[in-house]
Protein backbone atom coordinates (compact mmCIF):
# COMPACT_ATOMS: atom_id res chain seq x y z
CA UNK A 1 6.78 22.14 -3.13
CA UNK A 2 9.86 20.52 -4.70
CA UNK A 3 11.94 23.59 -3.87
CA UNK A 4 10.74 23.59 -0.28
CA UNK A 5 11.47 19.85 0.03
CA UNK A 6 15.00 20.41 -1.33
CA UNK A 7 15.47 23.13 1.26
CA UNK A 8 14.24 20.81 4.02
CA UNK A 9 16.65 18.17 2.79
CA UNK A 10 19.73 20.41 3.20
CA UNK A 11 18.50 21.85 6.52
CA UNK A 12 17.77 18.44 8.11
CA UNK A 13 14.06 19.22 8.48
CA UNK A 14 12.61 16.45 6.29
CA UNK A 15 11.25 14.82 9.47
CA UNK A 16 9.67 18.05 10.75
CA UNK A 17 6.02 17.21 11.49
CA UNK A 18 4.74 20.80 11.02
CA UNK A 19 6.45 21.00 7.61
CA UNK A 20 5.16 17.56 6.59
CA UNK A 21 1.63 18.62 7.57
CA UNK A 22 1.96 21.88 5.64
CA UNK A 23 3.26 20.10 2.52
CA UNK A 24 0.40 17.57 2.49
CA UNK A 25 -2.44 19.89 3.42
CA UNK A 26 -1.43 22.70 1.04
CA UNK A 27 -2.11 20.37 -1.89
CA UNK A 28 -5.38 19.07 -0.38
CA UNK A 29 -6.66 22.61 0.14
CA UNK A 30 -5.49 23.79 -3.28
CA UNK A 31 -7.53 21.03 -4.95
CA UNK A 32 -10.71 22.63 -3.63
CA UNK A 33 -11.99 19.71 -1.52
CA UNK A 34 -14.41 20.75 1.23
CA UNK A 35 -14.43 17.32 2.92
CA UNK A 36 -11.11 15.53 3.51
CA UNK A 37 -10.37 11.99 4.76
CA UNK A 38 -6.67 11.40 5.41
CA UNK A 39 -4.85 8.06 5.62
CA UNK A 40 -2.03 8.39 8.17
CA UNK A 41 -0.01 5.18 8.15
CA UNK A 42 1.97 3.88 11.13
CA UNK A 43 4.73 1.27 11.25
CA UNK A 44 7.88 -0.01 9.59
CA UNK A 45 6.66 0.78 6.07
CA UNK A 46 5.39 4.26 6.92
CA UNK A 47 7.10 7.64 7.27
CA UNK A 48 5.80 7.72 10.85
CA UNK A 49 7.30 4.68 12.56
CA UNK A 50 5.40 5.03 15.85
CA UNK A 51 1.85 5.90 16.86
CA UNK A 52 2.85 8.99 18.87
CA UNK A 53 4.36 10.74 15.83
CA UNK A 54 1.50 9.61 13.60
CA UNK A 55 -1.11 11.02 15.97
CA UNK A 56 0.78 14.30 16.20
CA UNK A 57 0.93 14.55 12.39
CA UNK A 58 -2.75 13.65 12.09
CA UNK A 59 -3.75 16.28 14.64
CA UNK A 60 -1.74 18.96 12.83
CA UNK A 61 -3.33 18.14 9.47
CA UNK A 62 -6.85 17.95 10.87
CA UNK A 63 -6.33 21.31 12.59
CA UNK A 64 -5.10 22.88 9.33
CA UNK A 65 -8.08 21.52 7.42
CA UNK A 66 -10.63 22.63 10.00
CA UNK A 67 -9.11 26.13 10.30
CA UNK A 68 -9.38 26.43 6.53
CA UNK A 69 -13.08 25.57 6.74
CA UNK A 70 -12.75 21.99 5.47
CA UNK A 71 -14.27 19.17 7.49
CA UNK A 72 -11.32 16.82 8.01
CA UNK A 73 -10.82 13.41 9.59
CA UNK A 74 -7.61 11.36 9.79
CA UNK A 75 -7.64 7.57 10.01
CA UNK A 76 -4.55 5.88 11.47
CA UNK A 77 -3.81 2.63 9.62
CA UNK A 78 -1.32 -0.17 10.14
CA UNK A 79 1.74 -0.22 7.89
CA UNK A 80 3.66 -2.80 9.94
CA UNK A 81 2.28 -5.45 7.57
CA UNK A 82 1.88 -5.16 3.77
CA UNK A 83 -1.70 -4.19 2.94
CA UNK A 84 -3.37 -6.80 0.78
CA UNK A 85 -1.22 -9.40 -0.98
CA UNK A 86 0.19 -7.41 -3.91
CA UNK A 87 3.03 -4.90 -4.21
CA UNK A 88 3.85 -3.37 -7.59
CA UNK A 89 2.04 -1.64 -10.45
CA UNK A 90 -0.02 -3.94 -12.68
CA UNK A 91 -0.32 -6.44 -9.86
CA UNK A 92 -1.88 -3.81 -7.56
CA UNK A 93 -4.30 -2.71 -10.27
CA UNK A 94 -5.39 -6.34 -10.61
CA UNK A 95 -5.82 -6.55 -6.83
CA UNK A 96 -8.01 -3.42 -6.91
CA UNK A 97 -10.13 -4.96 -9.69
CA UNK A 98 -10.51 -8.21 -7.73
CA UNK A 99 -11.52 -6.23 -4.64
CA UNK A 100 -14.22 -4.34 -6.54
CA UNK A 101 -15.45 -7.74 -7.74
CA UNK A 102 -15.68 -8.97 -4.13
CA UNK A 103 -12.66 -11.27 -4.43
CA UNK A 104 -9.95 -9.09 -2.88
CA UNK A 105 -7.90 -9.60 0.29
CA UNK A 106 -9.95 -9.05 3.45
CA UNK A 107 -7.61 -6.45 4.99
CA UNK A 108 -7.46 -4.39 1.79
CA UNK A 109 -11.23 -4.49 1.37
CA UNK A 110 -11.70 -3.37 5.00
CA UNK A 111 -9.55 -0.28 4.47
CA UNK A 112 -11.20 0.60 1.13
CA UNK A 113 -14.71 0.23 2.55
CA UNK A 114 -13.92 2.31 5.64
CA UNK A 115 -12.42 5.23 3.70
CA UNK A 116 -15.25 5.24 1.16
CA UNK A 117 -17.83 5.06 3.96
CA UNK A 118 -16.25 7.92 5.90
CA UNK A 119 -16.19 10.06 2.75
CA UNK A 120 -19.89 9.41 2.12
CA UNK A 121 -20.59 10.11 5.78
CA UNK A 122 -18.81 13.47 5.68
CA UNK A 123 -20.88 14.25 2.61
CA UNK A 124 -24.00 13.68 4.74
CA UNK A 125 -25.28 10.97 2.41
CA UNK A 126 -26.54 8.83 5.32
CA UNK A 127 -25.50 7.63 8.77
CA UNK A 128 -22.19 5.77 8.97
CA UNK A 129 -23.63 2.23 8.93
CA UNK A 130 -25.87 3.03 5.97
CA UNK A 131 -22.83 4.44 4.17
CA UNK A 132 -20.95 1.19 4.76
CA UNK A 133 -23.94 -0.77 3.43
CA UNK A 134 -23.92 1.44 0.31
CA UNK A 135 -20.23 0.70 -0.30
CA UNK A 136 -20.72 -3.05 0.09
CA UNK A 137 -23.73 -2.84 -2.23
CA UNK A 138 -21.58 -1.14 -4.89
CA UNK A 139 -19.18 -4.10 -4.69
CA UNK A 140 -21.85 -6.80 -4.71
CA UNK A 141 -23.91 -5.30 -7.55
CA UNK A 142 -20.91 -4.48 -9.76
CA UNK A 143 -21.52 -0.73 -9.69
CA UNK A 144 -18.03 -0.19 -8.29
CA UNK A 145 -16.24 -2.05 -11.07
CA UNK A 146 -18.39 -0.26 -13.65
CA UNK A 147 -17.36 3.11 -12.26
CA UNK A 148 -13.68 2.15 -12.41
CA UNK A 149 -14.06 1.15 -16.06
CA UNK A 150 -15.83 4.44 -16.71
CA UNK A 151 -12.93 6.38 -15.10
CA UNK A 152 -10.35 4.51 -17.18
CA UNK A 153 -12.25 5.20 -20.40
CA UNK A 154 -12.67 8.89 -19.52
CA UNK A 155 -8.89 9.19 -19.27
CA UNK A 156 -8.27 7.56 -22.64
CA UNK A 157 -7.46 4.11 -21.28
CA UNK A 158 -8.64 0.70 -22.45
CA UNK A 159 -11.47 -0.21 -20.06
CA UNK A 160 -11.53 -3.82 -21.31
CA UNK A 161 -8.60 -4.52 -18.97
CA UNK A 162 -10.90 -3.84 -16.01
CA UNK A 163 -13.27 -6.61 -17.06
CA UNK A 164 -10.45 -8.86 -18.33
CA UNK A 165 -7.40 -8.38 -16.06
CA UNK A 166 -5.85 -11.46 -17.64
CA UNK A 167 -4.94 -9.09 -20.49
CA UNK A 168 -2.21 -7.54 -18.33
CA UNK A 169 1.14 -8.80 -19.57
CA UNK A 170 2.94 -11.17 -17.19
CA UNK A 171 6.55 -10.66 -16.14
CA UNK A 172 8.93 -12.98 -18.04
CA UNK A 173 10.67 -14.13 -14.84
CA UNK A 174 9.19 -15.34 -11.55
CA UNK A 175 10.82 -16.74 -8.44
CA UNK A 176 9.35 -18.07 -5.18
CA UNK A 177 10.64 -17.24 -1.71
CA UNK A 178 10.48 -20.48 0.27
CA UNK A 179 10.17 -20.70 4.08
CA UNK A 180 13.28 -22.31 5.56
CA UNK A 181 11.58 -23.12 8.89
CA UNK A 182 8.22 -23.98 10.43
CA UNK A 183 7.10 -21.12 12.68
CA UNK A 184 4.79 -18.18 13.16
CA UNK A 185 5.70 -14.99 11.30
CA UNK A 186 6.13 -12.60 14.22
CA UNK A 187 6.93 -9.47 12.21
CA UNK A 188 7.60 -8.13 8.72
CA UNK A 189 9.72 -5.12 7.83
CA UNK A 190 7.32 -3.45 5.41
CA UNK A 191 9.91 -0.88 4.37
CA UNK A 192 12.11 -3.73 3.17
CA UNK A 193 9.13 -5.16 1.27
CA UNK A 194 8.79 -1.82 -0.51
CA UNK A 195 12.51 -1.64 -1.24
CA UNK A 196 12.32 -5.17 -2.65
CA UNK A 197 9.71 -3.94 -5.15
CA UNK A 198 12.09 -1.11 -6.12
CA UNK A 199 14.91 -3.61 -6.69
CA UNK A 200 12.57 -5.59 -8.98
CA UNK A 201 11.90 -2.45 -11.01
CA UNK A 202 8.43 -1.55 -9.68
CA UNK A 203 9.78 1.75 -8.31
CA UNK A 204 12.55 4.21 -9.12
CA UNK A 205 15.98 3.93 -7.52
CA UNK A 206 17.06 7.13 -9.33
CA UNK A 207 15.29 9.82 -11.38
CA UNK A 208 16.54 8.08 -14.53
CA UNK A 209 15.11 4.66 -13.56
CA UNK A 210 12.42 3.23 -15.84
CA UNK A 211 9.36 1.75 -14.11
CA UNK A 212 8.60 -1.88 -14.98
CA UNK A 213 4.79 -2.25 -14.69
CA UNK A 214 5.08 -6.04 -14.67
CA UNK A 215 7.44 -6.18 -11.66
CA UNK A 216 6.06 -6.89 -8.21
CA UNK A 217 5.47 -9.22 -5.28
CA UNK A 218 2.59 -11.45 -4.20
CA UNK A 219 2.54 -12.48 -0.54
CA UNK A 220 1.05 -15.79 0.58
CA UNK A 221 1.81 -15.52 4.31
CA UNK A 222 1.95 -12.42 6.51
CA UNK A 223 2.46 -11.47 10.16
CA UNK A 224 0.56 -13.68 12.61
CA UNK A 225 0.26 -16.65 10.27
CA UNK A 226 1.92 -20.04 10.70
CA UNK A 227 4.09 -21.24 7.85
CA UNK A 228 5.50 -24.71 7.30
CA UNK A 229 9.06 -25.23 6.12
CA UNK A 230 9.04 -25.51 2.33
CA UNK A 231 5.88 -23.44 1.81
CA UNK A 232 5.91 -20.39 -0.47
CA UNK A 233 6.13 -17.16 1.52
CA UNK A 234 5.94 -14.91 -1.54
CA UNK A 235 6.36 -14.90 -5.30
CA UNK A 236 8.40 -12.22 -7.04
CA UNK A 237 8.08 -11.00 -10.65
CA UNK A 238 10.59 -9.10 -12.80
CA UNK A 239 11.85 -8.53 -16.32
CA UNK A 240 15.49 -8.85 -15.26
CA UNK A 241 16.85 -12.11 -13.83
CA UNK A 242 19.68 -10.45 -11.88
CA UNK A 243 17.29 -8.00 -10.24
CA UNK A 244 15.02 -10.91 -9.38
CA UNK A 245 17.87 -12.81 -7.74
CA UNK A 246 18.90 -9.78 -5.65
CA UNK A 247 15.30 -9.05 -4.66
CA UNK A 248 14.61 -12.57 -3.37
CA UNK A 249 17.75 -12.45 -1.25
CA UNK A 250 16.79 -9.04 0.18
CA UNK A 251 13.13 -9.88 0.86
CA UNK A 252 14.20 -12.87 2.94
CA UNK A 253 15.63 -10.44 5.53
CA UNK A 254 12.21 -8.77 5.99
CA UNK A 255 10.74 -11.70 7.98
CA UNK A 256 11.00 -12.47 11.70
CA UNK A 257 9.76 -15.72 13.22
CA UNK A 258 8.49 -17.02 16.56
CA UNK A 259 7.50 -20.38 18.04
CA UNK A 260 4.54 -18.73 19.78
CA UNK A 261 1.44 -17.37 18.08
CA UNK A 262 1.33 -13.60 17.60
CA UNK A 263 -1.56 -11.25 16.90
CA UNK A 264 -0.87 -8.47 14.39
CA UNK A 265 -2.12 -4.94 14.99
CA UNK A 266 -5.60 -4.09 13.68
CA UNK A 267 -5.72 -2.56 10.19
CA UNK A 268 -7.45 0.56 11.54
CA UNK A 269 -5.69 1.84 14.65
CA UNK A 270 -7.82 4.89 15.36
CA UNK A 271 -9.39 8.14 14.21
CA UNK A 272 -8.33 11.73 14.78
CA UNK A 273 -10.88 14.50 14.42
CA UNK A 274 -11.20 18.19 15.19
CA UNK A 275 -10.16 19.35 18.68
CA UNK A 276 -8.48 17.01 21.14
CA UNK A 277 -8.10 13.99 18.92
CA UNK A 278 -10.29 11.09 20.09
CA UNK A 279 -12.79 11.77 22.90
CA UNK A 280 -15.20 9.16 24.29
CA UNK A 281 -18.68 10.32 25.42
CA UNK A 282 -21.62 8.44 26.92
CA UNK A 283 -24.69 8.35 24.70
CA UNK A 284 -26.58 10.47 27.26
CA UNK A 285 -23.74 13.01 27.61
CA UNK A 286 -25.14 16.57 27.42
CA UNK A 287 -22.26 17.57 25.13
CA UNK A 288 -23.41 14.97 22.62
CA UNK A 289 -27.12 15.69 23.03
CA UNK A 290 -26.49 19.36 22.21
CA UNK A 291 -23.87 18.71 19.54
CA UNK A 292 -24.35 21.07 16.55
CA UNK A 293 -26.01 19.40 13.57
CA UNK A 294 -23.25 20.68 11.30
CA UNK A 295 -20.67 18.78 13.37
CA UNK A 296 -22.48 15.45 13.84
CA UNK A 297 -20.58 13.80 10.98
CA UNK A 298 -17.61 13.73 13.36
CA UNK A 299 -19.36 11.27 15.70
CA UNK A 300 -18.35 7.62 15.42
CA UNK A 301 -20.15 4.90 17.45
CA UNK A 302 -17.88 3.26 20.05
CA UNK A 303 -18.14 0.77 22.89
CA UNK A 304 -15.87 -0.47 25.66
CA UNK A 305 -14.41 -3.96 25.55
CA UNK A 306 -13.92 -5.80 28.85
CA UNK A 307 -10.75 -7.86 28.55
CA UNK A 308 -11.87 -10.08 31.45
CA UNK A 309 -14.95 -11.33 29.64
CA UNK A 310 -15.01 -15.13 29.42
CA UNK A 311 -16.60 -16.99 26.56
CA UNK A 312 -16.03 -17.05 22.83
CA UNK A 313 -15.03 -14.50 20.23
CA UNK A 314 -16.17 -14.15 16.64
CA UNK A 315 -13.51 -15.03 14.04
CA UNK A 316 -13.27 -15.35 10.27
CA UNK A 317 -11.00 -17.43 8.06
CA UNK A 318 -10.79 -17.29 4.27
CA UNK A 319 -9.42 -20.39 2.54
CA UNK A 320 -8.03 -20.18 -1.01
CA UNK A 321 -7.41 -23.57 -2.63
CA UNK A 322 -7.54 -25.49 -5.89
CA UNK A 323 -11.15 -26.51 -6.41
CA UNK A 324 -11.83 -30.23 -6.06
CA UNK A 325 -14.57 -32.64 -5.01
CA UNK A 326 -14.67 -33.05 -1.23
CA UNK A 327 -12.70 -29.87 -0.42
CA UNK A 328 -15.52 -28.32 1.63
CA UNK A 329 -16.06 -31.58 3.53
CA UNK A 330 -12.36 -31.90 4.37
CA UNK A 331 -12.03 -28.31 5.59
CA UNK A 332 -15.29 -28.48 7.55
CA UNK A 333 -14.01 -31.62 9.31
CA UNK A 334 -11.26 -29.49 10.91
CA UNK A 335 -13.93 -27.44 12.68
CA UNK A 336 -15.90 -30.56 13.64
CA UNK A 337 -12.81 -32.27 15.10
CA UNK A 338 -12.06 -29.18 17.19
CA UNK A 339 -15.70 -28.90 18.32
CA UNK A 340 -15.98 -25.44 16.79
CA UNK A 341 -19.37 -23.77 16.33
CA UNK A 342 -19.40 -22.58 12.71
CA UNK A 343 -21.79 -19.63 12.27
CA UNK A 344 -21.55 -19.05 8.53
CA UNK A 345 -20.04 -20.54 5.37
CA UNK A 346 -19.67 -18.81 2.00
CA UNK A 347 -18.24 -20.82 -0.90
CA UNK A 348 -17.46 -19.65 -4.42
CA UNK A 349 -14.94 -20.12 -7.23
CA UNK A 350 -13.12 -17.53 -9.30
CA UNK A 351 -12.45 -17.49 -13.04
CA UNK A 352 -9.32 -19.61 -12.58
CA UNK A 353 -11.33 -22.33 -10.78
CA UNK A 354 -9.77 -21.42 -7.43
CA UNK A 355 -12.09 -22.22 -4.55
CA UNK A 356 -12.70 -19.47 -1.97
CA UNK A 357 -14.20 -20.68 1.31
CA UNK A 358 -15.14 -18.11 3.97
CA UNK A 359 -15.94 -19.43 7.46
CA UNK A 360 -17.41 -17.43 10.35
CA UNK A 361 -17.10 -19.14 13.74
CA UNK A 362 -16.49 -18.70 17.47
CA UNK A 363 -13.19 -19.41 19.23
CA UNK A 364 -12.05 -19.27 22.86
CA UNK A 365 -8.70 -17.56 22.26
CA UNK A 366 -6.03 -16.77 19.66
CA UNK A 367 -4.23 -20.06 20.38
CA UNK A 368 -7.29 -22.02 19.31
CA UNK A 369 -7.59 -19.84 16.20
CA UNK A 370 -3.94 -20.47 15.32
CA UNK A 371 -4.43 -24.22 15.77
CA UNK A 372 -7.43 -24.26 13.42
CA UNK A 373 -5.57 -22.18 10.84
CA UNK A 374 -2.60 -24.54 10.96
CA UNK A 375 -4.78 -27.63 10.51
CA UNK A 376 -6.64 -26.11 7.57
CA UNK A 377 -3.33 -25.38 5.83
CA UNK A 378 -2.45 -29.07 6.16
CA UNK A 379 -5.59 -30.17 4.29
CA UNK A 380 -4.27 -31.59 1.01
C-alpha cells in the first residue's frame, strides 16, 4: 500500500476517489470482517471537503464491500467542527474513558453510540433501537469501561490507568487561547486545529519526529456557541515552550466569528448503503414489505420534517461548572425568567467536584436557544 501511495503521489492521483476507495477497502477485506461500518468524514478537517465527494467515496466503498460479500454501510459525519473537546494522544484516551463512564462530550458520545449500534445491528443482535439501548446500558452499568480495561490488559498495558486516568502525566507547559471579542463562533477550520496539535508535538511533522503523548488541545467553545471577550476558547498543552507559543498563534487563525447566531451541521449527516445510496420508502411500500430477510439490516427508520411547523422544538444543554451551593437554583432561574418549559434535569458531579447539569427543554427557535445559552454562561 505504501508503494502504491508513493506512486499516486508522483502521478498526482492522491485525490483519486476510486484509488482511495481501493486503498481503504483492501485492508478492510483483508482483515476478514464480514460486516463493515465505515466512517466517512466531511468538512474542513476531512480528506473530503464537500458532501458530494464524500458521498461518491462512500458509495464506491460500499459497492466494493457488497460485491465482495461483506455487508457494508457508510455513515457520513461532520468534520467541520472538532469532535468532542480533546485533540491529542493521552488527552483523547482520557476523553474516551470519560465517555465510557457517561461523562464525555455529547457529540462524541452520539457518534460512538451510533457506530456501535449499527455494528450490533448488522450482526443481527436486535433491532436498531434495541441495539442503541444495549450500548447505552453498557455505558451506564460500567460494562463498557470494564471491556476497555480488559483490552488494555490483554495487550500488556496497565489497566489501572483506565480506572484512574489522573495517572496520565500532565504536560509541563500549558497556555490558554483567549477570545479577543464577544461574538458567535461561526466556523472553525478543523484542519488547522489538527495542524496545531502537530505543532505541539501530538503528531509527526516528519518521519523522524517523536510523538509527545502529553501534547494536545482542549476546546471550551466550538462552532455555534457564543463567547464573551476574555473567555478561554481553548487550552493547549506541550513539553516545549516555543512549540506552545507557535501553536497558540496558529490556532487563533482557525476561528471565524459572527454577530448573528449560527447552527452547526449535525454530527451525523447521512447514511450510504448498498445500491443507490439513500432511498426513502413508505412503510407500506411493496418493495419494503417483500424485502429479503437477509437484507433487512440495511433498513433505517426515517420520517419527514415539515419546516413550516409552528410550535416548540426539543433542545438540550449541558452545563459544566464548579460545584457550589445554589448553582442549580441560579441556572434554573434563567429558564424561569425566559418562561421556558423544562422537561428534564439531570445533575451530578465528577471526581474533581465539577458539577454537570443536563437540561431538557422546549424552545421556539435557535435565537431563543442562543439567548438561554448566553445567559447561563453569565451565571457566576
